[in-house]
């Protein structure tokens, strides 16, 4: 990674570390280091978003979301995030976007030796698809699932720019 002249370079480097055991294990850990830098250099702090901020984000996002969310697990955990972390992220997304259907994709199945281990992360078997993107396994099933998803009715103003 090229070195840059920035006070946050060490944080960026740690975020992008190839060995995930050397990366930040949580946002809170990163936040602590970031707070030290911002306090020292700019006398600023990062504050957690308030519940009303999350509601505003949700309202804006609804107008721009597709008809479903495809949540992709790295079933092999080779991305550097354990399935527990991926599952926790999913649960946060489900809380925020509770009215949007979610299709659960378990990717990199070609690298998974113990698929029974995954069962603890499967809440909805009928909306879970086991795939290997690199081998093309499960792609047709994803397309069929997407075709069956009910379209969400939205009211758009003619003046709004949508692409």
C-alpha atoms as a PDB file:
ATOM      1  CA  UNK A   1       0.000   0.000   0.000  1.00  0.00           C
ATOM      2  CA  UNK A   2       1.490   3.370  -0.931  1.00  0.00           C
ATOM      3  CA  UNK A   3       2.312   5.564   2.033  1.00  0.00           C
ATOM      4  CA  UNK A   4       0.500   8.881   2.272  1.00  0.00           C
ATOM      5  CA  UNK A   5       1.112  11.899   4.440  1.00  0.00           C
ATOM      6  CA  UNK A   6      -1.953  11.768   6.654  1.00  0.00           C
ATOM      7  CA  UNK A   7      -2.570  11.393  10.361  1.00  0.00           C
ATOM      8  CA  UNK A   8      -5.120   8.678   9.620  1.00  0.00           C
ATOM      9  CA  UNK A   9      -2.774   6.621   7.410  1.00  0.00           C
ATOM     10  CA  UNK A  10      -2.066   4.078  10.207  1.00  0.00           C
ATOM     11  CA  UNK A  11      -5.825   3.579  10.672  1.00  0.00           C
ATOM     12  CA  UNK A  12      -6.389   3.072   6.954  1.00  0.00           C
ATOM     13  CA  UNK A  13      -3.485   0.645   6.831  1.00  0.00           C
ATOM     14  CA  UNK A  14      -4.940  -1.350   9.734  1.00  0.00           C
ATOM     15  CA  UNK A  15      -8.398  -1.409   8.086  1.00  0.00           C
ATOM     16  CA  UNK A  16      -6.901  -2.809   4.875  1.00  0.00           C
ATOM     17  CA  UNK A  17      -4.557  -5.295   6.538  1.00  0.00           C
ATOM     18  CA  UNK A  18      -4.583  -8.635   4.680  1.00  0.00           C
ATOM     19  CA  UNK A  19      -4.458 -10.639   7.897  1.00  0.00           C
ATOM     20  CA  UNK A  20      -7.900 -10.038   9.392  1.00  0.00           C
ATOM     21  CA  UNK A  21      -6.550 -10.802  12.879  1.00  0.00           C
ATOM     22  CA  UNK A  22      -4.488  -7.603  12.589  1.00  0.00           C
ATOM     23  CA  UNK A  23      -7.486  -5.496  11.458  1.00  0.00           C
ATOM     24  CA  UNK A  24      -9.860  -3.601  13.702  1.00  0.00           C
ATOM     25  CA  UNK A  25     -12.280  -6.100  15.181  1.00  0.00           C
ATOM     26  CA  UNK A  26     -15.112  -3.582  15.506  1.00  0.00           C
ATOM     27  CA  UNK A  27     -16.140  -0.053  14.701  1.00  0.00           C
ATOM     28  CA  UNK A  28     -15.701   0.849  18.377  1.00  0.00           C
ATOM     29  CA  UNK A  29     -12.034  -0.134  18.232  1.00  0.00           C
ATOM     30  CA  UNK A  30     -11.483   1.980  15.102  1.00  0.00           C
ATOM     31  CA  UNK A  31     -13.515   4.803  16.628  1.00  0.00           C
ATOM     32  CA  UNK A  32     -11.251   4.945  19.707  1.00  0.00           C
ATOM     33  CA  UNK A  33      -8.168   5.482  17.539  1.00  0.00           C
ATOM     34  CA  UNK A  34      -9.998   7.956  15.321  1.00  0.00           C
ATOM     35  CA  UNK A  35     -11.195   9.946  18.335  1.00  0.00           C
ATOM     36  CA  UNK A  36      -7.606  10.270  19.569  1.00  0.00           C
ATOM     37  CA  UNK A  37      -6.513  11.702  16.223  1.00  0.00           C
ATOM     38  CA  UNK A  38      -9.489  14.032  15.791  1.00  0.00           C
ATOM     39  CA  UNK A  39      -9.257  15.277  19.374  1.00  0.00           C
ATOM     40  CA  UNK A  40      -5.556  15.951  19.011  1.00  0.00           C
ATOM     41  CA  UNK A  41      -5.609  17.521  15.564  1.00  0.00           C
ATOM     42  CA  UNK A  42      -9.046  19.100  15.171  1.00  0.00           C
ATOM     43  CA  UNK A  43     -10.618  19.026  18.618  1.00  0.00           C
ATOM     44  CA  UNK A  44     -13.597  17.102  17.133  1.00  0.00           C
ATOM     45  CA  UNK A  45     -15.418  13.920  18.070  1.00  0.00           C
ATOM     46  CA  UNK A  46     -17.440  11.392  16.143  1.00  0.00           C
ATOM     47  CA  UNK A  47     -20.845  10.894  17.655  1.00  0.00           C
ATOM     48  CA  UNK A  48     -23.053   7.868  17.258  1.00  0.00           C
ATOM     49  CA  UNK A  49     -26.091   8.455  15.058  1.00  0.00           C
ATOM     50  CA  UNK A  50     -29.254   9.099  17.033  1.00  0.00           C
ATOM     51  CA  UNK A  51     -32.306   6.942  16.489  1.00  0.00           C
ATOM     52  CA  UNK A  52     -33.996   9.791  14.593  1.00  0.00           C
ATOM     53  CA  UNK A  53     -30.969   9.960  12.240  1.00  0.00           C
ATOM     54  CA  UNK A  54     -31.404   6.257  11.470  1.00  0.00           C
ATOM     55  CA  UNK A  55     -35.096   6.886  10.791  1.00  0.00           C
ATOM     56  CA  UNK A  56     -34.210   9.678   8.350  1.00  0.00           C
ATOM     57  CA  UNK A  57     -31.698   7.434   6.593  1.00  0.00           C
ATOM     58  CA  UNK A  58     -34.364   4.730   6.382  1.00  0.00           C
ATOM     59  CA  UNK A  59     -36.923   7.115   4.842  1.00  0.00           C
ATOM     60  CA  UNK A  60     -34.474   8.361   2.227  1.00  0.00           C
ATOM     61  CA  UNK A  61     -33.269   4.856   1.444  1.00  0.00           C
ATOM     62  CA  UNK A  62     -36.782   3.469   0.917  1.00  0.00           C
ATOM     63  CA  UNK A  63     -37.280   5.741  -2.049  1.00  0.00           C
ATOM     64  CA  UNK A  64     -34.117   4.464  -3.688  1.00  0.00           C
ATOM     65  CA  UNK A  65     -34.086   0.802  -2.723  1.00  0.00           C
ATOM     66  CA  UNK A  66     -34.859  -1.951  -5.113  1.00  0.00           C
ATOM     67  CA  UNK A  67     -37.692  -4.367  -4.401  1.00  0.00           C
ATOM     68  CA  UNK A  68     -35.502  -6.666  -2.322  1.00  0.00           C
ATOM     69  CA  UNK A  69     -32.166  -6.866  -0.572  1.00  0.00           C
ATOM     70  CA  UNK A  70     -29.707  -9.587  -1.546  1.00  0.00           C
ATOM     71  CA  UNK A  71     -27.596 -10.210   1.538  1.00  0.00           C
ATOM     72  CA  UNK A  72     -24.445 -12.104   0.632  1.00  0.00           C
ATOM     73  CA  UNK A  73     -22.729 -14.133   3.323  1.00  0.00           C
ATOM     74  CA  UNK A  74     -19.165 -15.274   2.771  1.00  0.00           C
ATOM     75  CA  UNK A  75     -19.850 -18.823   3.944  1.00  0.00           C
ATOM     76  CA  UNK A  76     -16.120 -19.636   3.856  1.00  0.00           C
ATOM     77  CA  UNK A  77     -15.237 -16.656   6.074  1.00  0.00           C
ATOM     78  CA  UNK A  78     -12.224 -15.974   3.809  1.00  0.00           C
ATOM     79  CA  UNK A  79     -13.274 -12.309   3.496  1.00  0.00           C
ATOM     80  CA  UNK A  80     -11.928 -11.739   6.998  1.00  0.00           C
ATOM     81  CA  UNK A  81     -15.298 -11.483   8.748  1.00  0.00           C
ATOM     82  CA  UNK A  82     -16.608 -14.374  10.778  1.00  0.00           C
ATOM     83  CA  UNK A  83     -20.153 -15.508  10.106  1.00  0.00           C
ATOM     84  CA  UNK A  84     -21.159 -14.141  13.522  1.00  0.00           C
ATOM     85  CA  UNK A  85     -20.184 -10.639  12.366  1.00  0.00           C
ATOM     86  CA  UNK A  86     -21.918 -11.064   9.017  1.00  0.00           C
ATOM     87  CA  UNK A  87     -25.048 -12.361  10.766  1.00  0.00           C
ATOM     88  CA  UNK A  88     -25.064  -9.420  13.203  1.00  0.00           C
ATOM     89  CA  UNK A  89     -24.883  -6.999  10.266  1.00  0.00           C
ATOM     90  CA  UNK A  90     -27.798  -8.806   8.652  1.00  0.00           C
ATOM     91  CA  UNK A  91     -29.864  -8.439  11.832  1.00  0.00           C
ATOM     92  CA  UNK A  92     -29.224  -4.673  11.850  1.00  0.00           C
ATOM     93  CA  UNK A  93     -30.292  -4.414   8.211  1.00  0.00           C
ATOM     94  CA  UNK A  94     -33.424  -6.451   8.929  1.00  0.00           C
ATOM     95  CA  UNK A  95     -34.392  -4.087  11.752  1.00  0.00           C
ATOM     96  CA  UNK A  96     -33.980  -0.982   9.616  1.00  0.00           C
ATOM     97  CA  UNK A  97     -35.569  -2.369   6.449  1.00  0.00           C
ATOM     98  CA  UNK A  98     -38.165  -4.680   7.973  1.00  0.00           C
ATOM     99  CA  UNK A  99     -40.662  -4.214   5.122  1.00  0.00           C
ATOM    100  CA  UNK A 100     -38.171  -5.086   2.368  1.00  0.00           C
ATOM    101  CA  UNK A 101     -37.845  -8.788   1.510  1.00  0.00           C
ATOM    102  CA  UNK A 102     -34.356 -10.210   1.930  1.00  0.00           C
ATOM    103  CA  UNK A 103     -32.811 -13.057  -0.031  1.00  0.00           C
ATOM    104  CA  UNK A 104     -29.961 -14.724   1.836  1.00  0.00           C
ATOM    105  CA  UNK A 105     -27.082 -15.786  -0.396  1.00  0.00           C
ATOM    106  CA  UNK A 106     -24.383 -18.028   1.028  1.00  0.00           C
ATOM    107  CA  UNK A 107     -21.470 -17.572  -1.351  1.00  0.00           C
ATOM    108  CA  UNK A 108     -18.170 -19.472  -1.694  1.00  0.00           C
ATOM    109  CA  UNK A 109     -19.835 -22.794  -0.985  1.00  0.00           C
ATOM    110  CA  UNK A 110     -17.070 -24.397  -3.043  1.00  0.00           C
ATOM    111  CA  UNK A 111     -14.706 -23.536  -0.160  1.00  0.00           C
ATOM    112  CA  UNK A 112     -16.956 -24.725   2.674  1.00  0.00           C
ATOM    113  CA  UNK A 113     -16.090 -28.111   4.164  1.00  0.00           C
ATOM    114  CA  UNK A 114     -18.735 -28.249   6.921  1.00  0.00           C
ATOM    115  CA  UNK A 115     -22.021 -26.903   5.583  1.00  0.00           C
ATOM    116  CA  UNK A 116     -23.895 -27.992   8.749  1.00  0.00           C
ATOM    117  CA  UNK A 117     -22.024 -25.197  10.548  1.00  0.00           C
ATOM    118  CA  UNK A 118     -24.027 -22.725   8.442  1.00  0.00           C
ATOM    119  CA  UNK A 119     -27.397 -23.907   9.770  1.00  0.00           C
ATOM    120  CA  UNK A 120     -27.151 -21.620  12.809  1.00  0.00           C
ATOM    121  CA  UNK A 121     -27.132 -18.620  10.445  1.00  0.00           C
ATOM    122  CA  UNK A 122     -30.149 -19.686   8.395  1.00  0.00           C
ATOM    123  CA  UNK A 123     -33.372 -18.096   9.648  1.00  0.00           C
ATOM    124  CA  UNK A 124     -35.424 -18.565   6.482  1.00  0.00           C
ATOM    125  CA  UNK A 125     -34.594 -21.679   4.443  1.00  0.00           C
ATOM    126  CA  UNK A 126     -36.980 -20.866   1.591  1.00  0.00           C
ATOM    127  CA  UNK A 127     -35.195 -17.530   1.004  1.00  0.00           C
ATOM    128  CA  UNK A 128     -31.665 -18.917   1.385  1.00  0.00           C
ATOM    129  CA  UNK A 129     -29.620 -19.853  -1.653  1.00  0.00           C
ATOM    130  CA  UNK A 130     -26.256 -21.577  -1.531  1.00  0.00           C
ATOM    131  CA  UNK A 131     -23.992 -20.411  -4.314  1.00  0.00           C
ATOM    132  CA  UNK A 132     -20.492 -20.350  -5.670  1.00  0.00           C
ATOM    133  CA  UNK A 133     -20.171 -17.242  -7.799  1.00  0.00           C
ATOM    134  CA  UNK A 134     -16.788 -18.304  -9.146  1.00  0.00           C
ATOM    135  CA  UNK A 135     -18.228 -21.640 -10.332  1.00  0.00           C
ATOM    136  CA  UNK A 136     -21.578 -20.179 -11.410  1.00  0.00           C
ATOM    137  CA  UNK A 137     -23.448 -22.453  -8.977  1.00  0.00           C
ATOM    138  CA  UNK A 138     -26.836 -21.081  -7.895  1.00  0.00           C
ATOM    139  CA  UNK A 139     -26.945 -18.091 -10.247  1.00  0.00           C
ATOM    140  CA  UNK A 140     -30.025 -19.396 -12.104  1.00  0.00           C
ATOM    141  CA  UNK A 141     -31.754 -19.924  -8.765  1.00  0.00           C
ATOM    142  CA  UNK A 142     -31.003 -16.294  -7.795  1.00  0.00           C
ATOM    143  CA  UNK A 143     -32.512 -15.046 -11.058  1.00  0.00           C
ATOM    144  CA  UNK A 144     -35.662 -17.157 -10.536  1.00  0.00           C
ATOM    145  CA  UNK A 145     -36.009 -15.857  -6.967  1.00  0.00           C
ATOM    146  CA  UNK A 146     -35.636 -12.241  -8.129  1.00  0.00           C
ATOM    147  CA  UNK A 147     -38.285 -12.770 -10.823  1.00  0.00           C
ATOM    148  CA  UNK A 148     -40.758 -13.967  -8.151  1.00  0.00           C
ATOM    149  CA  UNK A 149     -40.262 -10.977  -5.824  1.00  0.00           C
ATOM    150  CA  UNK A 150     -43.306  -8.730  -5.568  1.00  0.00           C
ATOM    151  CA  UNK A 151     -42.621  -5.224  -6.834  1.00  0.00           C
ATOM    152  CA  UNK A 152     -42.956  -2.411  -4.297  1.00  0.00           C
ATOM    153  CA  UNK A 153     -45.346   0.365  -5.289  1.00  0.00           C
ATOM    154  CA  UNK A 154     -43.709   3.775  -4.988  1.00  0.00           C
ATOM    155  CA  UNK A 155     -44.962   7.272  -5.704  1.00  0.00           C
ATOM    156  CA  UNK A 156     -42.396   9.278  -7.635  1.00  0.00           C
ATOM    157  CA  UNK A 157     -42.593  12.968  -8.416  1.00  0.00           C
ATOM    158  CA  UNK A 158     -41.960  13.732 -12.071  1.00  0.00           C
ATOM    159  CA  UNK A 159     -39.442  16.355 -10.972  1.00  0.00           C
ATOM    160  CA  UNK A 160     -37.294  13.820  -9.106  1.00  0.00           C
ATOM    161  CA  UNK A 161     -34.208  12.502 -10.828  1.00  0.00           C
ATOM    162  CA  UNK A 162     -34.145   8.702 -10.737  1.00  0.00           C
ATOM    163  CA  UNK A 163     -31.822   6.593 -12.768  1.00  0.00           C
END
